[in-house]
Amino acid sequence: MTALALDPARTAALRRRIRIVVAITITWNVIEACVALLAGSAASSAALIGFGLDSIVEVLSAAAVAWQFSAPDPQSREKVTLRVIAVSFFALAAYVTVDALLSLTGMRDPEHSPVGIAVAALSLVVMPFLSWFERRTGRELGSASAIADSKQTLICTYLSAALLVGLLLNALLGWAWADSVAALVIAVLAVREGLEAWKGDPCCATPLSVLTGEREAPACDDDCC
């Protein structure tokens, strides 16, 4: 099912659903960003600061999708929204990389952060559900930007896992370098998702010619179909 094959009532309901999940995502990430940035600054943790910045990027991404779906014709704002999401990813990767390299060269010495561990663990519980819900709705609507934003949320799950491992290794074994490695993992994932968003083809988004029945859908071999 896609937006062009749905009746107007169903399309309107799906768009309202997108706006609701976007509002929840923005609220959650604002809180998460504030806590992570404060805790990261206190502990000089590149990974935790990067995680907080990723939360800000997610807020920008979700806000761009909210802007898109506030229009009578959301499809007309699709390309601009995807560009905003992609640039946000690239900016995140650049900052996190520099910060991680500073830590690896000994210019910063990350300390233990129990607050950071708690934030990462909680994010692992919340983010997968929000991502799944938005991705499912976006695919039914045939919206590439909603799918891209859902992957932005999903990457937060991966980042939470990497952050949690890095912080635990530092806290339990004293491996300060693990924090920087976790931050670099965040940067690599951000670049990958940014490139997909820039191409405007995240997660096998359905082409318009397929939505209208002019040709068959191509094979989809990624992990989110």
N, C-alpha and C. Protein backbone atom coordinates (compact mmCIF):
# COMPACT_ATOMS: atom_id res chain seq x y z
N MET A 1 0.85 -1.19 0.00
CA MET A 1 0.00 0.00 0.00
C MET A 1 0.88 1.24 0.00
N THR A 2 0.49 2.26 -0.74
CA THR A 2 1.24 3.51 -0.79
C THR A 2 0.26 4.66 -0.76
N ALA A 3 0.82 5.87 -0.59
CA ALA A 3 -0.03 7.05 -0.47
C ALA A 3 -0.94 7.22 -1.67
N LEU A 4 -0.42 6.91 -2.92
CA LEU A 4 -1.22 7.13 -4.10
C LEU A 4 -2.31 6.07 -4.26
N ALA A 5 -2.22 4.96 -3.53
CA ALA A 5 -3.22 3.91 -3.62
C ALA A 5 -4.20 3.96 -2.45
N LEU A 6 -3.99 4.87 -1.53
CA LEU A 6 -4.81 4.96 -0.33
C LEU A 6 -5.94 5.96 -0.52
N ASP A 7 -7.02 5.75 0.21
CA ASP A 7 -8.10 6.74 0.17
C ASP A 7 -7.68 7.94 1.01
N PRO A 8 -8.27 9.10 0.77
CA PRO A 8 -7.86 10.33 1.47
C PRO A 8 -7.91 10.23 2.99
N ALA A 9 -8.90 9.50 3.52
CA ALA A 9 -9.02 9.39 4.98
C ALA A 9 -7.82 8.64 5.56
N ARG A 10 -7.41 7.55 4.89
CA ARG A 10 -6.27 6.78 5.37
C ARG A 10 -4.99 7.59 5.24
N THR A 11 -4.82 8.31 4.14
CA THR A 11 -3.64 9.15 3.95
C THR A 11 -3.55 10.21 5.04
N ALA A 12 -4.67 10.85 5.36
CA ALA A 12 -4.69 11.87 6.41
C ALA A 12 -4.34 11.27 7.76
N ALA A 13 -4.84 10.06 8.02
CA ALA A 13 -4.56 9.39 9.30
C ALA A 13 -3.07 9.07 9.42
N LEU A 14 -2.47 8.61 8.32
CA LEU A 14 -1.05 8.28 8.34
C LEU A 14 -0.20 9.53 8.53
N ARG A 15 -0.60 10.62 7.92
CA ARG A 15 0.15 11.87 8.09
C ARG A 15 0.05 12.38 9.52
N ARG A 16 -1.12 12.22 10.14
CA ARG A 16 -1.25 12.60 11.55
C ARG A 16 -0.36 11.73 12.42
N ARG A 17 -0.28 10.45 12.07
CA ARG A 17 0.57 9.52 12.82
C ARG A 17 2.04 9.94 12.73
N ILE A 18 2.45 10.37 11.54
CA ILE A 18 3.83 10.84 11.36
C ILE A 18 4.09 12.05 12.25
N ARG A 19 3.14 12.99 12.26
CA ARG A 19 3.32 14.19 13.08
C ARG A 19 3.40 13.86 14.57
N ILE A 20 2.63 12.89 15.01
CA ILE A 20 2.63 12.50 16.43
C ILE A 20 3.98 11.88 16.81
N VAL A 21 4.46 10.92 16.01
CA VAL A 21 5.72 10.26 16.35
C VAL A 21 6.88 11.24 16.25
N VAL A 22 6.79 12.20 15.34
CA VAL A 22 7.83 13.22 15.22
C VAL A 22 7.84 14.11 16.47
N ALA A 23 6.66 14.46 16.97
CA ALA A 23 6.58 15.29 18.18
C ALA A 23 7.18 14.56 19.38
N ILE A 24 6.87 13.27 19.49
CA ILE A 24 7.44 12.47 20.59
C ILE A 24 8.95 12.39 20.47
N THR A 25 9.43 12.16 19.24
CA THR A 25 10.87 12.05 18.99
C THR A 25 11.59 13.34 19.35
N ILE A 26 11.02 14.48 18.97
CA ILE A 26 11.64 15.77 19.28
C ILE A 26 11.72 15.98 20.78
N THR A 27 10.62 15.71 21.48
CA THR A 27 10.60 15.90 22.94
C THR A 27 11.64 15.02 23.62
N TRP A 28 11.67 13.76 23.26
CA TRP A 28 12.63 12.83 23.86
C TRP A 28 14.06 13.26 23.61
N ASN A 29 14.36 13.66 22.37
CA ASN A 29 15.74 13.98 22.02
C ASN A 29 16.21 15.30 22.61
N VAL A 30 15.31 16.24 22.84
CA VAL A 30 15.70 17.48 23.51
C VAL A 30 16.18 17.16 24.93
N ILE A 31 15.41 16.32 25.62
CA ILE A 31 15.80 15.92 26.98
C ILE A 31 17.10 15.14 26.95
N GLU A 32 17.19 14.19 26.03
CA GLU A 32 18.38 13.34 25.91
C GLU A 32 19.62 14.16 25.59
N ALA A 33 19.48 15.14 24.70
CA ALA A 33 20.62 15.97 24.31
C ALA A 33 21.14 16.78 25.50
N CYS A 34 20.23 17.37 26.25
CA CYS A 34 20.64 18.19 27.40
C CYS A 34 21.40 17.35 28.42
N VAL A 35 20.86 16.17 28.74
CA VAL A 35 21.51 15.30 29.73
C VAL A 35 22.86 14.81 29.22
N ALA A 36 22.90 14.34 27.97
CA ALA A 36 24.14 13.78 27.41
C ALA A 36 25.24 14.83 27.29
N LEU A 37 24.89 16.03 26.84
CA LEU A 37 25.90 17.07 26.67
C LEU A 37 26.46 17.54 28.01
N LEU A 38 25.58 17.68 28.98
CA LEU A 38 26.05 18.09 30.31
C LEU A 38 26.94 17.01 30.93
N ALA A 39 26.50 15.75 30.86
CA ALA A 39 27.28 14.65 31.41
C ALA A 39 28.57 14.46 30.63
N GLY A 40 28.52 14.61 29.30
CA GLY A 40 29.71 14.45 28.48
C GLY A 40 30.75 15.52 28.74
N SER A 41 30.29 16.75 28.92
CA SER A 41 31.22 17.84 29.23
C SER A 41 31.87 17.63 30.59
N ALA A 42 31.10 17.16 31.55
CA ALA A 42 31.63 16.93 32.89
C ALA A 42 32.66 15.81 32.90
N ALA A 43 32.43 14.78 32.04
CA ALA A 43 33.33 13.63 32.01
C ALA A 43 34.37 13.70 30.91
N SER A 44 34.36 14.79 30.10
CA SER A 44 35.26 14.92 28.94
C SER A 44 35.15 13.71 28.02
N SER A 45 33.92 13.25 27.81
CA SER A 45 33.67 12.06 26.99
C SER A 45 33.28 12.43 25.57
N ALA A 46 34.17 12.10 24.60
CA ALA A 46 33.88 12.40 23.20
C ALA A 46 32.65 11.63 22.73
N ALA A 47 32.53 10.37 23.16
CA ALA A 47 31.40 9.55 22.73
C ALA A 47 30.09 10.10 23.29
N LEU A 48 30.09 10.51 24.53
CA LEU A 48 28.86 11.01 25.16
C LEU A 48 28.46 12.36 24.57
N ILE A 49 29.45 13.22 24.31
CA ILE A 49 29.16 14.50 23.66
C ILE A 49 28.62 14.26 22.24
N GLY A 50 29.26 13.30 21.53
CA GLY A 50 28.77 12.96 20.19
C GLY A 50 27.36 12.43 20.22
N PHE A 51 27.03 11.67 21.23
CA PHE A 51 25.68 11.14 21.37
C PHE A 51 24.69 12.28 21.61
N GLY A 52 25.08 13.24 22.44
CA GLY A 52 24.22 14.39 22.68
C GLY A 52 24.00 15.21 21.42
N LEU A 53 25.08 15.37 20.63
CA LEU A 53 24.95 16.10 19.37
C LEU A 53 24.08 15.35 18.38
N ASP A 54 24.19 14.02 18.40
CA ASP A 54 23.32 13.22 17.53
C ASP A 54 21.85 13.44 17.90
N SER A 55 21.58 13.61 19.19
CA SER A 55 20.21 13.88 19.61
C SER A 55 19.72 15.21 19.05
N ILE A 56 20.62 16.20 19.00
CA ILE A 56 20.27 17.49 18.40
C ILE A 56 20.00 17.33 16.91
N VAL A 57 20.85 16.52 16.24
CA VAL A 57 20.66 16.25 14.82
C VAL A 57 19.30 15.59 14.60
N GLU A 58 18.94 14.68 15.47
CA GLU A 58 17.64 14.02 15.36
C GLU A 58 16.49 15.00 15.52
N VAL A 59 16.67 15.98 16.39
CA VAL A 59 15.65 17.01 16.56
C VAL A 59 15.50 17.81 15.26
N LEU A 60 16.64 18.18 14.65
CA LEU A 60 16.58 18.92 13.38
C LEU A 60 15.93 18.09 12.29
N SER A 61 16.29 16.81 12.25
CA SER A 61 15.72 15.91 11.25
C SER A 61 14.22 15.77 11.43
N ALA A 62 13.80 15.53 12.67
CA ALA A 62 12.37 15.38 12.95
C ALA A 62 11.61 16.68 12.68
N ALA A 63 12.25 17.81 12.99
CA ALA A 63 11.61 19.10 12.73
C ALA A 63 11.43 19.32 11.22
N ALA A 64 12.42 18.87 10.43
CA ALA A 64 12.31 18.99 8.98
C ALA A 64 11.15 18.15 8.45
N VAL A 65 10.98 16.96 9.00
CA VAL A 65 9.87 16.10 8.59
C VAL A 65 8.54 16.72 9.02
N ALA A 66 8.51 17.30 10.23
CA ALA A 66 7.29 17.97 10.70
C ALA A 66 6.93 19.12 9.76
N TRP A 67 7.96 19.88 9.33
CA TRP A 67 7.74 20.98 8.38
C TRP A 67 7.19 20.44 7.07
N GLN A 68 7.75 19.34 6.60
CA GLN A 68 7.28 18.76 5.35
C GLN A 68 5.82 18.36 5.43
N PHE A 69 5.45 17.68 6.52
CA PHE A 69 4.08 17.17 6.62
C PHE A 69 3.08 18.21 7.11
N SER A 70 3.54 19.44 7.31
CA SER A 70 2.61 20.52 7.62
C SER A 70 2.06 21.15 6.35
N ALA A 71 2.66 20.77 5.21
CA ALA A 71 2.22 21.31 3.92
C ALA A 71 1.04 20.51 3.37
N PRO A 72 0.18 21.14 2.57
CA PRO A 72 -0.93 20.40 1.96
C PRO A 72 -0.43 19.27 1.06
N ASP A 73 0.74 19.51 0.42
CA ASP A 73 1.34 18.48 -0.44
C ASP A 73 2.75 18.18 0.08
N PRO A 74 2.88 17.26 1.06
CA PRO A 74 4.19 16.96 1.65
C PRO A 74 5.24 16.53 0.64
N GLN A 75 4.80 15.89 -0.48
CA GLN A 75 5.74 15.40 -1.47
C GLN A 75 6.56 16.52 -2.08
N SER A 76 6.00 17.73 -2.13
CA SER A 76 6.70 18.86 -2.75
C SER A 76 7.89 19.31 -1.91
N ARG A 77 7.92 18.95 -0.63
CA ARG A 77 9.02 19.33 0.25
C ARG A 77 9.98 18.18 0.55
N GLU A 78 9.77 17.07 -0.13
CA GLU A 78 10.53 15.85 0.15
C GLU A 78 12.04 16.04 -0.04
N LYS A 79 12.44 16.62 -1.18
CA LYS A 79 13.86 16.73 -1.50
C LYS A 79 14.59 17.63 -0.51
N VAL A 80 13.98 18.76 -0.17
CA VAL A 80 14.60 19.69 0.77
C VAL A 80 14.77 19.02 2.13
N THR A 81 13.75 18.28 2.55
CA THR A 81 13.82 17.59 3.85
C THR A 81 14.95 16.57 3.87
N LEU A 82 15.11 15.81 2.79
CA LEU A 82 16.18 14.83 2.72
C LEU A 82 17.55 15.50 2.77
N ARG A 83 17.68 16.66 2.14
CA ARG A 83 18.96 17.38 2.16
C ARG A 83 19.29 17.85 3.58
N VAL A 84 18.29 18.34 4.30
CA VAL A 84 18.50 18.77 5.68
C VAL A 84 18.97 17.60 6.54
N ILE A 85 18.33 16.46 6.37
CA ILE A 85 18.71 15.27 7.14
C ILE A 85 20.14 14.86 6.82
N ALA A 86 20.50 14.86 5.53
CA ALA A 86 21.84 14.45 5.11
C ALA A 86 22.92 15.38 5.67
N VAL A 87 22.71 16.69 5.53
CA VAL A 87 23.70 17.66 6.03
C VAL A 87 23.86 17.54 7.54
N SER A 88 22.77 17.28 8.23
CA SER A 88 22.84 17.11 9.68
C SER A 88 23.73 15.93 10.04
N PHE A 89 23.60 14.83 9.30
CA PHE A 89 24.44 13.66 9.53
C PHE A 89 25.92 14.00 9.31
N PHE A 90 26.23 14.70 8.23
CA PHE A 90 27.62 15.03 7.92
C PHE A 90 28.24 15.95 8.97
N ALA A 91 27.47 16.92 9.45
CA ALA A 91 27.97 17.82 10.48
C ALA A 91 28.26 17.06 11.77
N LEU A 92 27.39 16.14 12.11
CA LEU A 92 27.61 15.31 13.29
C LEU A 92 28.90 14.50 13.16
N ALA A 93 29.09 13.87 12.00
CA ALA A 93 30.27 13.03 11.79
C ALA A 93 31.55 13.84 11.90
N ALA A 94 31.55 15.05 11.33
CA ALA A 94 32.75 15.89 11.37
C ALA A 94 33.13 16.26 12.80
N TYR A 95 32.17 16.69 13.57
CA TYR A 95 32.47 17.11 14.94
C TYR A 95 32.94 15.94 15.79
N VAL A 96 32.21 14.83 15.70
CA VAL A 96 32.55 13.67 16.52
C VAL A 96 33.94 13.13 16.19
N THR A 97 34.29 13.13 14.91
CA THR A 97 35.62 12.65 14.49
C THR A 97 36.72 13.49 15.11
N VAL A 98 36.59 14.80 15.02
CA VAL A 98 37.61 15.69 15.58
C VAL A 98 37.72 15.49 17.09
N ASP A 99 36.59 15.41 17.76
CA ASP A 99 36.60 15.26 19.21
C ASP A 99 37.22 13.92 19.63
N ALA A 100 36.93 12.87 18.87
CA ALA A 100 37.49 11.55 19.19
C ALA A 100 39.00 11.54 18.98
N LEU A 101 39.47 12.18 17.93
CA LEU A 101 40.90 12.22 17.66
C LEU A 101 41.65 13.00 18.74
N LEU A 102 41.02 14.04 19.25
CA LEU A 102 41.64 14.79 20.35
C LEU A 102 41.81 13.90 21.58
N SER A 103 40.82 13.05 21.82
CA SER A 103 40.91 12.14 22.96
C SER A 103 41.97 11.07 22.73
N LEU A 104 42.03 10.54 21.52
CA LEU A 104 43.00 9.49 21.21
C LEU A 104 44.45 9.99 21.29
N THR A 105 44.65 11.26 20.99
CA THR A 105 46.01 11.82 21.04
C THR A 105 46.39 12.30 22.44
N GLY A 106 45.50 12.07 23.39
CA GLY A 106 45.83 12.40 24.78
C GLY A 106 45.51 13.81 25.20
N MET A 107 44.85 14.58 24.35
CA MET A 107 44.51 15.96 24.71
C MET A 107 43.31 16.01 25.66
N ARG A 108 42.58 14.90 25.73
CA ARG A 108 41.47 14.80 26.68
C ARG A 108 41.52 13.43 27.33
N ASP A 109 41.09 13.36 28.57
CA ASP A 109 41.10 12.10 29.31
C ASP A 109 39.71 11.85 29.86
N PRO A 110 38.89 11.04 29.12
CA PRO A 110 37.50 10.81 29.56
C PRO A 110 37.41 10.14 30.91
N GLU A 111 36.47 10.62 31.73
CA GLU A 111 36.25 10.04 33.05
C GLU A 111 35.00 9.15 33.03
N HIS A 112 34.76 8.47 34.14
CA HIS A 112 33.58 7.62 34.25
C HIS A 112 32.33 8.48 34.26
N SER A 113 31.24 7.95 33.69
CA SER A 113 29.99 8.71 33.64
C SER A 113 28.79 7.79 33.88
N PRO A 114 28.40 7.60 35.15
CA PRO A 114 27.20 6.79 35.44
C PRO A 114 25.94 7.34 34.78
N VAL A 115 25.85 8.68 34.71
CA VAL A 115 24.68 9.29 34.05
C VAL A 115 24.65 8.92 32.58
N GLY A 116 25.82 8.96 31.93
CA GLY A 116 25.89 8.59 30.52
C GLY A 116 25.48 7.15 30.29
N ILE A 117 25.90 6.27 31.17
CA ILE A 117 25.53 4.85 31.05
C ILE A 117 24.01 4.69 31.15
N ALA A 118 23.40 5.41 32.08
CA ALA A 118 21.95 5.33 32.26
C ALA A 118 21.21 5.86 31.02
N VAL A 119 21.69 6.97 30.46
CA VAL A 119 21.05 7.57 29.28
C VAL A 119 21.14 6.61 28.09
N ALA A 120 22.32 6.01 27.89
CA ALA A 120 22.51 5.09 26.77
C ALA A 120 21.61 3.87 26.91
N ALA A 121 21.50 3.34 28.11
CA ALA A 121 20.67 2.16 28.34
C ALA A 121 19.19 2.47 28.10
N LEU A 122 18.74 3.62 28.57
CA LEU A 122 17.34 4.00 28.38
C LEU A 122 17.02 4.22 26.91
N SER A 123 17.97 4.82 26.19
CA SER A 123 17.78 5.07 24.77
C SER A 123 17.64 3.76 23.99
N LEU A 124 18.34 2.73 24.43
CA LEU A 124 18.25 1.42 23.78
C LEU A 124 16.85 0.83 23.88
N VAL A 125 16.09 1.28 24.86
CA VAL A 125 14.72 0.78 25.05
C VAL A 125 13.73 1.59 24.21
N VAL A 126 13.90 2.91 24.18
CA VAL A 126 12.91 3.80 23.56
C VAL A 126 13.06 3.91 22.04
N MET A 127 14.30 4.09 21.56
CA MET A 127 14.52 4.42 20.16
C MET A 127 14.07 3.36 19.15
N PRO A 128 14.30 2.07 19.41
CA PRO A 128 13.86 1.08 18.40
C PRO A 128 12.36 1.14 18.11
N PHE A 129 11.56 1.36 19.15
CA PHE A 129 10.11 1.42 18.93
C PHE A 129 9.72 2.63 18.09
N LEU A 130 10.27 3.81 18.42
CA LEU A 130 9.95 5.02 17.65
C LEU A 130 10.36 4.86 16.19
N SER A 131 11.52 4.27 15.95
CA SER A 131 12.01 4.06 14.59
C SER A 131 11.09 3.13 13.82
N TRP A 132 10.73 2.02 14.44
CA TRP A 132 9.86 1.04 13.77
C TRP A 132 8.51 1.66 13.41
N PHE A 133 7.95 2.40 14.33
CA PHE A 133 6.63 2.98 14.11
C PHE A 133 6.65 3.98 12.94
N GLU A 134 7.67 4.85 12.92
CA GLU A 134 7.74 5.84 11.84
C GLU A 134 8.08 5.19 10.51
N ARG A 135 8.98 4.20 10.52
CA ARG A 135 9.36 3.54 9.27
C ARG A 135 8.16 2.82 8.65
N ARG A 136 7.40 2.13 9.48
CA ARG A 136 6.22 1.42 8.99
C ARG A 136 5.22 2.38 8.37
N THR A 137 4.99 3.49 9.03
CA THR A 137 4.05 4.49 8.51
C THR A 137 4.59 5.13 7.24
N GLY A 138 5.89 5.46 7.24
CA GLY A 138 6.50 6.08 6.07
C GLY A 138 6.47 5.21 4.84
N ARG A 139 6.66 3.90 5.03
CA ARG A 139 6.63 2.99 3.88
C ARG A 139 5.22 2.89 3.31
N GLU A 140 4.21 2.91 4.17
CA GLU A 140 2.84 2.86 3.67
C GLU A 140 2.50 4.13 2.90
N LEU A 141 3.05 5.25 3.36
CA LEU A 141 2.82 6.52 2.65
C LEU A 141 3.70 6.65 1.41
N GLY A 142 4.76 5.86 1.31
CA GLY A 142 5.71 6.01 0.21
C GLY A 142 6.56 7.25 0.39
N SER A 143 6.85 7.62 1.64
CA SER A 143 7.60 8.84 1.93
C SER A 143 9.07 8.53 2.23
N ALA A 144 9.96 8.95 1.34
CA ALA A 144 11.39 8.71 1.54
C ALA A 144 11.92 9.47 2.74
N SER A 145 11.41 10.68 2.98
CA SER A 145 11.92 11.48 4.08
C SER A 145 11.51 10.90 5.44
N ALA A 146 10.29 10.37 5.53
CA ALA A 146 9.87 9.74 6.78
C ALA A 146 10.70 8.50 7.06
N ILE A 147 11.03 7.74 6.01
CA ILE A 147 11.87 6.56 6.17
C ILE A 147 13.28 6.98 6.58
N ALA A 148 13.80 8.05 5.95
CA ALA A 148 15.13 8.54 6.30
C ALA A 148 15.17 8.99 7.76
N ASP A 149 14.11 9.67 8.19
CA ASP A 149 14.07 10.12 9.58
C ASP A 149 13.97 8.94 10.54
N SER A 150 13.25 7.89 10.13
CA SER A 150 13.17 6.71 10.98
C SER A 150 14.54 6.04 11.11
N LYS A 151 15.33 6.12 10.04
CA LYS A 151 16.69 5.55 10.11
C LYS A 151 17.58 6.45 10.97
N GLN A 152 17.28 7.75 10.95
CA GLN A 152 17.98 8.65 11.86
C GLN A 152 17.72 8.24 13.30
N THR A 153 16.49 7.86 13.58
CA THR A 153 16.15 7.40 14.92
C THR A 153 16.76 6.04 15.20
N LEU A 154 16.76 5.16 14.19
CA LEU A 154 17.34 3.83 14.37
C LEU A 154 18.84 3.91 14.65
N ILE A 155 19.52 4.84 13.99
CA ILE A 155 20.96 4.96 14.21
C ILE A 155 21.25 5.33 15.66
N CYS A 156 20.28 6.01 16.29
CA CYS A 156 20.45 6.34 17.70
C CYS A 156 20.53 5.07 18.54
N THR A 157 19.85 4.02 18.10
CA THR A 157 19.94 2.75 18.81
C THR A 157 21.34 2.18 18.71
N TYR A 158 21.91 2.21 17.50
CA TYR A 158 23.28 1.74 17.30
C TYR A 158 24.27 2.59 18.11
N LEU A 159 24.03 3.89 18.09
CA LEU A 159 24.92 4.79 18.82
C LEU A 159 24.82 4.53 20.32
N SER A 160 23.60 4.25 20.77
CA SER A 160 23.41 3.96 22.20
C SER A 160 24.20 2.71 22.60
N ALA A 161 24.16 1.69 21.73
CA ALA A 161 24.89 0.46 22.01
C ALA A 161 26.40 0.71 22.04
N ALA A 162 26.89 1.46 21.02
CA ALA A 162 28.32 1.77 20.97
C ALA A 162 28.75 2.61 22.17
N LEU A 163 27.92 3.59 22.51
CA LEU A 163 28.21 4.45 23.65
C LEU A 163 28.23 3.65 24.94
N LEU A 164 27.24 2.78 25.12
CA LEU A 164 27.15 1.99 26.35
C LEU A 164 28.37 1.09 26.51
N VAL A 165 28.79 0.46 25.42
CA VAL A 165 29.97 -0.41 25.48
C VAL A 165 31.21 0.39 25.84
N GLY A 166 31.37 1.55 25.17
CA GLY A 166 32.55 2.39 25.44
C GLY A 166 32.60 2.88 26.87
N LEU A 167 31.47 3.34 27.38
CA LEU A 167 31.43 3.86 28.75
C LEU A 167 31.64 2.75 29.78
N LEU A 168 31.08 1.58 29.51
CA LEU A 168 31.25 0.47 30.45
C LEU A 168 32.70 -0.03 30.48
N LEU A 169 33.33 -0.10 29.30
CA LEU A 169 34.73 -0.53 29.25
C LEU A 169 35.63 0.46 29.99
N ASN A 170 35.30 1.75 29.85
CA ASN A 170 36.09 2.77 30.55
C ASN A 170 35.85 2.69 32.05
N ALA A 171 34.60 2.48 32.44
CA ALA A 171 34.26 2.46 33.87
C ALA A 171 34.75 1.19 34.56
N LEU A 172 34.63 0.05 33.89
CA LEU A 172 34.94 -1.23 34.53
C LEU A 172 36.41 -1.64 34.37
N LEU A 173 37.00 -1.32 33.20
CA LEU A 173 38.36 -1.77 32.91
C LEU A 173 39.37 -0.64 32.79
N GLY A 174 38.86 0.59 32.82
CA GLY A 174 39.77 1.73 32.69
C GLY A 174 40.29 1.93 31.29
N TRP A 175 39.59 1.41 30.30
CA TRP A 175 40.01 1.57 28.90
C TRP A 175 39.48 2.90 28.36
N ALA A 176 40.20 3.97 28.59
CA ALA A 176 39.76 5.29 28.16
C ALA A 176 39.64 5.39 26.64
N TRP A 177 40.50 4.64 25.92
CA TRP A 177 40.46 4.69 24.46
C TRP A 177 39.15 4.15 23.89
N ALA A 178 38.46 3.30 24.66
CA ALA A 178 37.20 2.73 24.17
C ALA A 178 36.16 3.82 23.92
N ASP A 179 36.23 4.89 24.70
CA ASP A 179 35.30 6.02 24.51
C ASP A 179 35.49 6.63 23.12
N SER A 180 36.75 6.83 22.72
CA SER A 180 37.05 7.43 21.42
C SER A 180 36.67 6.50 20.27
N VAL A 181 36.92 5.22 20.45
CA VAL A 181 36.56 4.25 19.43
C VAL A 181 35.05 4.24 19.22
N ALA A 182 34.31 4.29 20.31
CA ALA A 182 32.85 4.35 20.22
C ALA A 182 32.41 5.60 19.47
N ALA A 183 33.09 6.72 19.72
CA ALA A 183 32.76 7.97 19.03
C ALA A 183 33.01 7.85 17.53
N LEU A 184 34.10 7.18 17.14
CA LEU A 184 34.41 7.02 15.72
C LEU A 184 33.40 6.10 15.04
N VAL A 185 32.90 5.11 15.76
CA VAL A 185 31.83 4.27 15.23
C VAL A 185 30.60 5.12 14.93
N ILE A 186 30.31 6.03 15.83
CA ILE A 186 29.18 6.96 15.64
C ILE A 186 29.39 7.77 14.35
N ALA A 187 30.61 8.26 14.14
CA ALA A 187 30.91 9.08 12.96
C ALA A 187 30.73 8.29 11.67
N VAL A 188 31.22 7.06 11.64
CA VAL A 188 31.11 6.23 10.44
C VAL A 188 29.65 5.96 10.09
N LEU A 189 28.86 5.60 11.10
CA LEU A 189 27.44 5.34 10.86
C LEU A 189 26.72 6.60 10.37
N ALA A 190 27.11 7.75 10.92
CA ALA A 190 26.48 9.01 10.52
C ALA A 190 26.77 9.33 9.04
N VAL A 191 28.01 9.12 8.61
CA VAL A 191 28.36 9.37 7.21
C VAL A 191 27.56 8.45 6.29
N ARG A 192 27.48 7.19 6.66
CA ARG A 192 26.75 6.21 5.83
C ARG A 192 25.29 6.62 5.66
N GLU A 193 24.64 6.98 6.75
CA GLU A 193 23.23 7.36 6.66
C GLU A 193 23.06 8.69 5.95
N GLY A 194 24.03 9.60 6.12
CA GLY A 194 23.96 10.87 5.42
C GLY A 194 24.00 10.70 3.92
N LEU A 195 24.86 9.81 3.45
CA LEU A 195 24.96 9.54 2.01
C LEU A 195 23.67 8.97 1.46
N GLU A 196 23.05 8.07 2.21
CA GLU A 196 21.79 7.48 1.76
C GLU A 196 20.69 8.54 1.69
N ALA A 197 20.65 9.41 2.69
CA ALA A 197 19.62 10.46 2.69
C ALA A 197 19.86 11.44 1.53
N TRP A 198 21.14 11.75 1.26
CA TRP A 198 21.45 12.70 0.19
C TRP A 198 21.03 12.15 -1.17
N LYS A 199 21.19 10.84 -1.35
CA LYS A 199 20.79 10.22 -2.61
C LYS A 199 19.28 10.18 -2.76
N GLY A 200 18.59 10.37 -1.64
CA GLY A 200 17.13 10.38 -1.70
C GLY A 200 16.54 9.01 -1.91
N ASP A 201 17.31 7.98 -1.56
CA ASP A 201 16.83 6.62 -1.78
C ASP A 201 17.04 5.77 -0.55
N PRO A 202 16.61 6.25 0.63
CA PRO A 202 16.83 5.47 1.83
C PRO A 202 15.94 4.25 1.91
N CYS A 203 16.55 3.12 2.18
CA CYS A 203 15.79 1.90 2.49
C CYS A 203 14.80 1.51 1.40
N CYS A 204 15.26 1.56 0.15
CA CYS A 204 14.39 1.14 -0.95
C CYS A 204 13.07 1.89 -0.97
N ALA A 205 13.10 3.19 -0.85
CA ALA A 205 11.86 3.97 -0.94
C ALA A 205 11.22 3.73 -2.30
N THR A 206 9.91 3.62 -2.34
CA THR A 206 9.22 3.24 -3.56
C THR A 206 9.18 4.37 -4.57
N PRO A 207 9.66 4.16 -5.82
CA PRO A 207 9.62 5.20 -6.84
C PRO A 207 8.18 5.54 -7.22
N LEU A 208 7.95 6.76 -7.69
CA LEU A 208 6.60 7.18 -8.05
C LEU A 208 6.01 6.34 -9.17
N SER A 209 6.85 5.91 -10.13
CA SER A 209 6.34 5.11 -11.23
C SER A 209 5.82 3.76 -10.74
N VAL A 210 6.38 3.29 -9.63
CA VAL A 210 5.88 2.05 -9.04
C VAL A 210 4.57 2.32 -8.31
N LEU A 211 4.52 3.47 -7.61
CA LEU A 211 3.31 3.81 -6.87
C LEU A 211 2.10 3.93 -7.79
N THR A 212 2.32 4.43 -9.00
CA THR A 212 1.21 4.64 -9.94
C THR A 212 0.92 3.40 -10.78
N GLY A 213 1.72 2.34 -10.61
CA GLY A 213 1.48 1.11 -11.33
C GLY A 213 2.04 1.08 -12.74
N GLU A 214 2.90 2.05 -13.09
CA GLU A 214 3.46 2.10 -14.43
C GLU A 214 4.51 1.01 -14.66
N ARG A 215 5.17 0.59 -13.57
CA ARG A 215 6.13 -0.52 -13.70
C ARG A 215 6.21 -1.25 -12.37
N GLU A 216 6.79 -2.44 -12.41
CA GLU A 216 6.89 -3.24 -11.20
C GLU A 216 7.98 -2.71 -10.29
N ALA A 217 7.84 -2.99 -9.02
CA ALA A 217 8.85 -2.55 -8.05
C ALA A 217 10.13 -3.35 -8.23
N PRO A 218 11.31 -2.68 -8.12
CA PRO A 218 12.57 -3.40 -8.20
C PRO A 218 12.78 -4.24 -6.94
N ALA A 219 13.70 -5.18 -7.05
CA ALA A 219 14.00 -6.02 -5.91
C ALA A 219 14.58 -5.18 -4.77
N CYS A 220 14.19 -5.51 -3.55
CA CYS A 220 14.67 -4.78 -2.38
C CYS A 220 15.45 -5.76 -1.51
N ASP A 221 16.74 -5.46 -1.29
CA ASP A 221 17.57 -6.43 -0.57
C ASP A 221 18.20 -5.86 0.68
N ASP A 222 17.66 -4.73 1.22
CA ASP A 222 18.25 -4.22 2.44
C ASP A 222 17.53 -4.81 3.64
N ASP A 223 17.94 -4.37 4.84
CA ASP A 223 17.45 -5.03 6.06
C ASP A 223 16.24 -4.38 6.68
N CYS A 224 15.63 -3.40 6.01
CA CYS A 224 14.50 -2.74 6.64
C CYS A 224 13.23 -2.86 5.81
N CYS A 225 13.25 -3.70 4.77
CA CYS A 225 12.03 -3.91 3.98
C CYS A 225 11.14 -4.94 4.66
